[in-house]
Amino acid sequence: MALLFLLPLVMQGVSRAEMGTADLGPSSVPTPTNVTIESYNMNPIVYWEYQIMPQVPVFTVEVKNYGVKNSEWIDACINISHHYCNISDHVGDPSNSLWVRVKARVGQKESAFQ
């Protein structure tokens, strides 16, 4: 009886060991850090930092109009590998403020937005 109980546990341990770093867990994709917006001559660019990973991450940047009620998040850059995104196409009126958020994806796993 005890042998039947231990067999599923051993099989789970083997399958997890075989996963390796290629299959990152849901919380193992870190969020981008130090997200900032810099603008020169009305050309706003979002910058962020990201830790070194064994696999190359790609990033998605979304913007949302701060002052408009029921505004929705809009993709500004999708699946880019560099750590910046030009959002000038999403700035209609320079006097309006925008929310910006960035998330990372490694393989099929994604981080939370930062």
N, C-alpha and C. Protein backbone atom coordinates (compact mmCIF):
# COMPACT_ATOMS: atom_id res chain seq x y z
N MET A 1 0.81 -1.18 0.00
CA MET A 1 0.00 0.00 0.00
C MET A 1 0.87 1.26 0.00
N ALA A 2 1.90 1.27 0.83
CA ALA A 2 2.78 2.44 0.90
C ALA A 2 3.52 2.65 -0.41
N LEU A 3 3.86 1.59 -1.09
CA LEU A 3 4.56 1.69 -2.36
C LEU A 3 3.70 2.39 -3.41
N LEU A 4 2.42 2.11 -3.44
CA LEU A 4 1.51 2.76 -4.39
C LEU A 4 1.40 4.26 -4.11
N PHE A 5 1.47 4.64 -2.86
CA PHE A 5 1.40 6.05 -2.50
C PHE A 5 2.67 6.80 -2.89
N LEU A 6 3.82 6.17 -2.74
CA LEU A 6 5.10 6.82 -3.04
C LEU A 6 5.36 6.95 -4.53
N LEU A 7 4.85 6.05 -5.33
CA LEU A 7 5.11 6.07 -6.76
C LEU A 7 4.68 7.38 -7.43
N PRO A 8 3.47 7.91 -7.18
CA PRO A 8 3.13 9.20 -7.80
C PRO A 8 4.05 10.34 -7.36
N LEU A 9 4.49 10.32 -6.10
CA LEU A 9 5.39 11.37 -5.63
C LEU A 9 6.74 11.30 -6.34
N VAL A 10 7.25 10.09 -6.54
CA VAL A 10 8.52 9.93 -7.24
C VAL A 10 8.38 10.37 -8.69
N MET A 11 7.28 10.03 -9.33
CA MET A 11 7.05 10.41 -10.73
C MET A 11 6.96 11.94 -10.86
N GLN A 12 6.31 12.60 -9.89
CA GLN A 12 6.23 14.05 -9.93
C GLN A 12 7.61 14.66 -9.78
N GLY A 13 8.42 14.11 -8.89
CA GLY A 13 9.78 14.62 -8.70
C GLY A 13 10.62 14.48 -9.95
N VAL A 14 10.50 13.35 -10.63
CA VAL A 14 11.26 13.13 -11.86
C VAL A 14 10.81 14.09 -12.94
N SER A 15 9.50 14.27 -13.11
CA SER A 15 9.02 15.15 -14.17
C SER A 15 9.43 16.60 -13.91
N ARG A 16 9.45 17.03 -12.65
CA ARG A 16 9.88 18.40 -12.34
C ARG A 16 11.37 18.57 -12.59
N ALA A 17 12.15 17.54 -12.29
CA ALA A 17 13.60 17.63 -12.50
C ALA A 17 13.91 17.69 -13.99
N GLU A 18 13.11 17.04 -14.81
CA GLU A 18 13.34 17.04 -16.24
C GLU A 18 12.99 18.38 -16.89
N MET A 19 12.17 19.20 -16.23
CA MET A 19 11.77 20.47 -16.81
C MET A 19 12.95 21.40 -17.02
N GLY A 20 13.83 21.51 -16.03
CA GLY A 20 14.98 22.38 -16.14
C GLY A 20 14.58 23.84 -16.20
N THR A 21 15.48 24.69 -16.74
CA THR A 21 15.21 26.12 -16.81
C THR A 21 14.39 26.51 -18.02
N ALA A 22 14.15 25.59 -18.94
CA ALA A 22 13.38 25.92 -20.14
C ALA A 22 11.93 26.22 -19.79
N ASP A 23 11.38 25.58 -18.76
CA ASP A 23 10.00 25.80 -18.36
C ASP A 23 9.99 26.55 -17.04
N LEU A 24 9.98 27.84 -17.11
CA LEU A 24 9.98 28.67 -15.92
C LEU A 24 8.60 28.66 -15.29
N GLY A 25 8.54 28.67 -13.98
CA GLY A 25 7.26 28.72 -13.28
C GLY A 25 6.60 30.08 -13.47
N PRO A 26 5.32 30.19 -13.11
CA PRO A 26 4.59 31.43 -13.36
C PRO A 26 5.16 32.64 -12.64
N SER A 27 5.76 32.43 -11.46
CA SER A 27 6.31 33.57 -10.74
C SER A 27 7.80 33.75 -10.99
N SER A 28 8.38 32.95 -11.87
CA SER A 28 9.82 33.01 -12.07
C SER A 28 10.23 33.99 -13.15
N VAL A 29 9.29 34.65 -13.81
CA VAL A 29 9.63 35.69 -14.78
C VAL A 29 9.57 37.03 -14.04
N PRO A 30 10.71 37.63 -13.79
CA PRO A 30 10.72 38.89 -13.03
C PRO A 30 10.08 40.03 -13.81
N THR A 31 9.55 40.98 -13.06
CA THR A 31 8.98 42.17 -13.70
C THR A 31 10.10 43.14 -14.04
N PRO A 32 9.91 43.94 -15.09
CA PRO A 32 10.88 45.00 -15.39
C PRO A 32 10.94 45.99 -14.21
N THR A 33 12.07 46.64 -14.05
CA THR A 33 12.24 47.59 -12.94
C THR A 33 12.64 48.96 -13.48
N ASN A 34 12.55 49.95 -12.61
CA ASN A 34 12.95 51.34 -12.91
C ASN A 34 12.35 51.83 -14.23
N VAL A 35 11.04 51.66 -14.38
CA VAL A 35 10.35 52.13 -15.58
C VAL A 35 10.27 53.66 -15.51
N THR A 36 10.80 54.31 -16.54
CA THR A 36 10.81 55.78 -16.60
C THR A 36 10.42 56.24 -17.99
N ILE A 37 9.95 57.47 -18.07
CA ILE A 37 9.64 58.10 -19.36
C ILE A 37 10.53 59.32 -19.49
N GLU A 38 11.24 59.40 -20.59
CA GLU A 38 12.05 60.57 -20.90
C GLU A 38 11.55 61.16 -22.20
N SER A 39 11.50 62.49 -22.26
CA SER A 39 11.01 63.14 -23.47
C SER A 39 11.96 64.26 -23.86
N TYR A 40 12.32 64.27 -25.13
CA TYR A 40 13.17 65.32 -25.68
C TYR A 40 12.52 65.78 -26.98
N ASN A 41 12.22 67.08 -27.07
CA ASN A 41 11.53 67.62 -28.25
C ASN A 41 10.23 66.88 -28.55
N MET A 42 9.44 66.66 -27.51
CA MET A 42 8.13 66.02 -27.65
C MET A 42 8.21 64.60 -28.21
N ASN A 43 9.28 63.91 -27.91
CA ASN A 43 9.47 62.54 -28.36
C ASN A 43 9.62 61.64 -27.11
N PRO A 44 8.49 61.21 -26.50
CA PRO A 44 8.58 60.43 -25.26
C PRO A 44 8.99 58.98 -25.51
N ILE A 45 9.94 58.54 -24.71
CA ILE A 45 10.43 57.17 -24.80
C ILE A 45 10.40 56.55 -23.40
N VAL A 46 9.85 55.35 -23.32
CA VAL A 46 9.81 54.60 -22.06
C VAL A 46 11.07 53.75 -21.98
N TYR A 47 11.74 53.80 -20.84
CA TYR A 47 12.93 52.99 -20.59
C TYR A 47 12.69 52.13 -19.36
N TRP A 48 13.35 50.99 -19.29
CA TRP A 48 13.28 50.13 -18.12
C TRP A 48 14.54 49.29 -18.04
N GLU A 49 14.72 48.70 -16.88
CA GLU A 49 15.85 47.79 -16.65
C GLU A 49 15.31 46.39 -16.48
N TYR A 50 16.17 45.42 -16.78
CA TYR A 50 15.77 44.02 -16.62
C TYR A 50 16.99 43.19 -16.31
N GLN A 51 16.81 42.23 -15.42
CA GLN A 51 17.94 41.40 -15.03
C GLN A 51 18.33 40.44 -16.15
N ILE A 52 19.56 39.97 -16.10
CA ILE A 52 20.06 39.03 -17.10
C ILE A 52 19.38 37.68 -16.89
N MET A 53 18.88 37.12 -17.98
CA MET A 53 18.17 35.83 -17.94
C MET A 53 18.88 34.84 -18.85
N PRO A 54 18.74 33.53 -18.59
CA PRO A 54 19.34 32.52 -19.48
C PRO A 54 18.74 32.57 -20.88
N GLN A 55 17.44 32.87 -20.97
CA GLN A 55 16.78 33.04 -22.26
C GLN A 55 16.54 34.53 -22.49
N VAL A 56 16.50 34.94 -23.74
CA VAL A 56 16.28 36.35 -24.06
C VAL A 56 14.81 36.70 -23.85
N PRO A 57 14.51 37.67 -22.98
CA PRO A 57 13.12 38.07 -22.78
C PRO A 57 12.67 39.03 -23.87
N VAL A 58 11.37 39.08 -24.09
CA VAL A 58 10.77 40.11 -24.94
C VAL A 58 9.79 40.88 -24.07
N PHE A 59 9.51 42.11 -24.47
CA PHE A 59 8.72 43.01 -23.64
C PHE A 59 7.52 43.56 -24.40
N THR A 60 6.46 43.83 -23.66
CA THR A 60 5.28 44.50 -24.19
C THR A 60 5.05 45.74 -23.35
N VAL A 61 4.82 46.87 -24.04
CA VAL A 61 4.57 48.15 -23.38
C VAL A 61 3.16 48.59 -23.75
N GLU A 62 2.40 48.99 -22.74
CA GLU A 62 1.05 49.49 -22.96
C GLU A 62 0.92 50.88 -22.37
N VAL A 63 0.07 51.70 -22.99
CA VAL A 63 -0.20 53.05 -22.51
C VAL A 63 -1.70 53.22 -22.31
N LYS A 64 -2.04 54.13 -21.41
CA LYS A 64 -3.44 54.42 -21.11
C LYS A 64 -3.56 55.89 -20.78
N ASN A 65 -4.57 56.54 -21.32
CA ASN A 65 -4.78 57.97 -21.08
C ASN A 65 -5.23 58.16 -19.63
N TYR A 66 -4.50 58.96 -18.90
CA TYR A 66 -4.74 59.15 -17.47
C TYR A 66 -6.01 59.94 -17.20
N GLY A 67 -6.30 60.95 -18.01
CA GLY A 67 -7.41 61.85 -17.72
C GLY A 67 -8.74 61.47 -18.35
N VAL A 68 -8.78 60.41 -19.13
CA VAL A 68 -10.01 60.03 -19.82
C VAL A 68 -10.69 58.89 -19.07
N LYS A 69 -11.95 59.11 -18.69
CA LYS A 69 -12.70 58.09 -17.97
C LYS A 69 -12.93 56.87 -18.87
N ASN A 70 -12.81 55.68 -18.31
CA ASN A 70 -12.99 54.41 -19.03
C ASN A 70 -11.99 54.22 -20.16
N SER A 71 -10.85 54.85 -20.06
CA SER A 71 -9.79 54.66 -21.05
C SER A 71 -9.25 53.23 -20.94
N GLU A 72 -8.85 52.65 -22.07
CA GLU A 72 -8.34 51.28 -22.08
C GLU A 72 -6.85 51.26 -22.39
N TRP A 73 -6.19 50.19 -21.97
CA TRP A 73 -4.77 50.01 -22.26
C TRP A 73 -4.59 49.72 -23.74
N ILE A 74 -3.61 50.37 -24.35
CA ILE A 74 -3.31 50.23 -25.78
C ILE A 74 -1.87 49.75 -25.92
N ASP A 75 -1.65 48.76 -26.78
CA ASP A 75 -0.30 48.27 -27.04
C ASP A 75 0.51 49.35 -27.74
N ALA A 76 1.66 49.69 -27.17
CA ALA A 76 2.57 50.65 -27.81
C ALA A 76 3.71 49.91 -28.50
N CYS A 77 4.27 48.91 -27.85
CA CYS A 77 5.32 48.05 -28.42
C CYS A 77 5.02 46.63 -27.97
N ILE A 78 5.15 45.68 -28.90
CA ILE A 78 4.83 44.28 -28.60
C ILE A 78 6.01 43.39 -28.95
N ASN A 79 6.39 42.54 -28.01
CA ASN A 79 7.44 41.54 -28.20
C ASN A 79 8.75 42.13 -28.72
N ILE A 80 9.20 43.18 -28.06
CA ILE A 80 10.48 43.80 -28.43
C ILE A 80 11.56 43.28 -27.49
N SER A 81 12.79 43.24 -27.97
CA SER A 81 13.88 42.72 -27.13
C SER A 81 14.70 43.83 -26.47
N HIS A 82 14.63 45.05 -26.99
CA HIS A 82 15.39 46.14 -26.37
C HIS A 82 14.62 46.70 -25.17
N HIS A 83 15.26 47.53 -24.39
CA HIS A 83 14.70 48.02 -23.14
C HIS A 83 14.19 49.46 -23.27
N TYR A 84 13.57 49.76 -24.37
CA TYR A 84 12.95 51.08 -24.56
C TYR A 84 11.84 50.97 -25.59
N CYS A 85 10.91 51.94 -25.54
CA CYS A 85 9.79 51.96 -26.47
C CYS A 85 9.40 53.41 -26.72
N ASN A 86 9.36 53.81 -27.97
CA ASN A 86 8.94 55.16 -28.35
C ASN A 86 7.41 55.18 -28.36
N ILE A 87 6.82 56.03 -27.52
CA ILE A 87 5.36 56.09 -27.41
C ILE A 87 4.79 57.36 -28.03
N SER A 88 5.56 58.06 -28.85
CA SER A 88 5.10 59.33 -29.41
C SER A 88 3.84 59.19 -30.25
N ASP A 89 3.64 58.04 -30.90
CA ASP A 89 2.42 57.84 -31.70
C ASP A 89 1.16 57.75 -30.84
N HIS A 90 1.32 57.58 -29.54
CA HIS A 90 0.18 57.42 -28.65
C HIS A 90 -0.09 58.67 -27.81
N VAL A 91 0.64 59.73 -28.09
CA VAL A 91 0.45 60.99 -27.39
C VAL A 91 -0.28 61.94 -28.33
N GLY A 92 -1.61 62.04 -28.17
CA GLY A 92 -2.38 62.93 -29.02
C GLY A 92 -2.20 64.38 -28.61
N ASP A 93 -2.50 64.67 -27.38
CA ASP A 93 -2.39 66.01 -26.82
C ASP A 93 -1.29 65.98 -25.76
N PRO A 94 -0.22 66.74 -25.97
CA PRO A 94 0.90 66.70 -25.02
C PRO A 94 0.53 67.15 -23.60
N SER A 95 -0.60 67.83 -23.45
CA SER A 95 -1.00 68.25 -22.10
C SER A 95 -1.70 67.13 -21.34
N ASN A 96 -2.08 66.04 -22.02
CA ASN A 96 -2.69 64.89 -21.35
C ASN A 96 -1.60 63.99 -20.76
N SER A 97 -1.91 63.42 -19.63
CA SER A 97 -0.98 62.49 -18.98
C SER A 97 -1.30 61.06 -19.40
N LEU A 98 -0.28 60.22 -19.38
CA LEU A 98 -0.44 58.81 -19.74
C LEU A 98 0.05 57.91 -18.61
N TRP A 99 -0.61 56.78 -18.44
CA TRP A 99 -0.09 55.69 -17.64
C TRP A 99 0.72 54.82 -18.59
N VAL A 100 1.78 54.24 -18.10
CA VAL A 100 2.60 53.33 -18.90
C VAL A 100 2.90 52.10 -18.06
N ARG A 101 2.86 50.93 -18.70
CA ARG A 101 3.23 49.71 -17.99
C ARG A 101 3.99 48.78 -18.93
N VAL A 102 4.86 47.96 -18.35
CA VAL A 102 5.73 47.08 -19.12
C VAL A 102 5.69 45.69 -18.49
N LYS A 103 5.66 44.66 -19.33
CA LYS A 103 5.78 43.29 -18.83
C LYS A 103 6.79 42.54 -19.67
N ALA A 104 7.35 41.49 -19.09
CA ALA A 104 8.34 40.66 -19.77
C ALA A 104 7.74 39.30 -20.09
N ARG A 105 8.26 38.69 -21.15
CA ARG A 105 7.87 37.32 -21.49
C ARG A 105 9.13 36.53 -21.81
N VAL A 106 9.23 35.36 -21.21
CA VAL A 106 10.34 34.44 -21.48
C VAL A 106 9.69 33.12 -21.87
N GLY A 107 9.88 32.71 -23.12
CA GLY A 107 9.19 31.52 -23.60
C GLY A 107 7.70 31.76 -23.60
N GLN A 108 6.95 30.92 -22.92
CA GLN A 108 5.50 31.06 -22.83
C GLN A 108 5.04 31.70 -21.52
N LYS A 109 5.97 32.04 -20.65
CA LYS A 109 5.64 32.62 -19.34
C LYS A 109 5.78 34.13 -19.38
N GLU A 110 4.90 34.83 -18.65
CA GLU A 110 4.94 36.29 -18.59
C GLU A 110 5.04 36.77 -17.16
N SER A 111 5.63 37.95 -17.01
CA SER A 111 5.67 38.59 -15.70
C SER A 111 4.38 39.39 -15.52
N ALA A 112 4.22 39.92 -14.35
CA ALA A 112 3.16 40.89 -14.13
C ALA A 112 3.59 42.20 -14.76
N PHE A 113 2.63 43.09 -15.01
CA PHE A 113 2.98 44.41 -15.51
C PHE A 113 3.63 45.21 -14.40
N GLN A 114 4.55 46.06 -14.76
CA GLN A 114 5.21 46.98 -13.83
C GLN A 114 4.97 48.38 -14.33
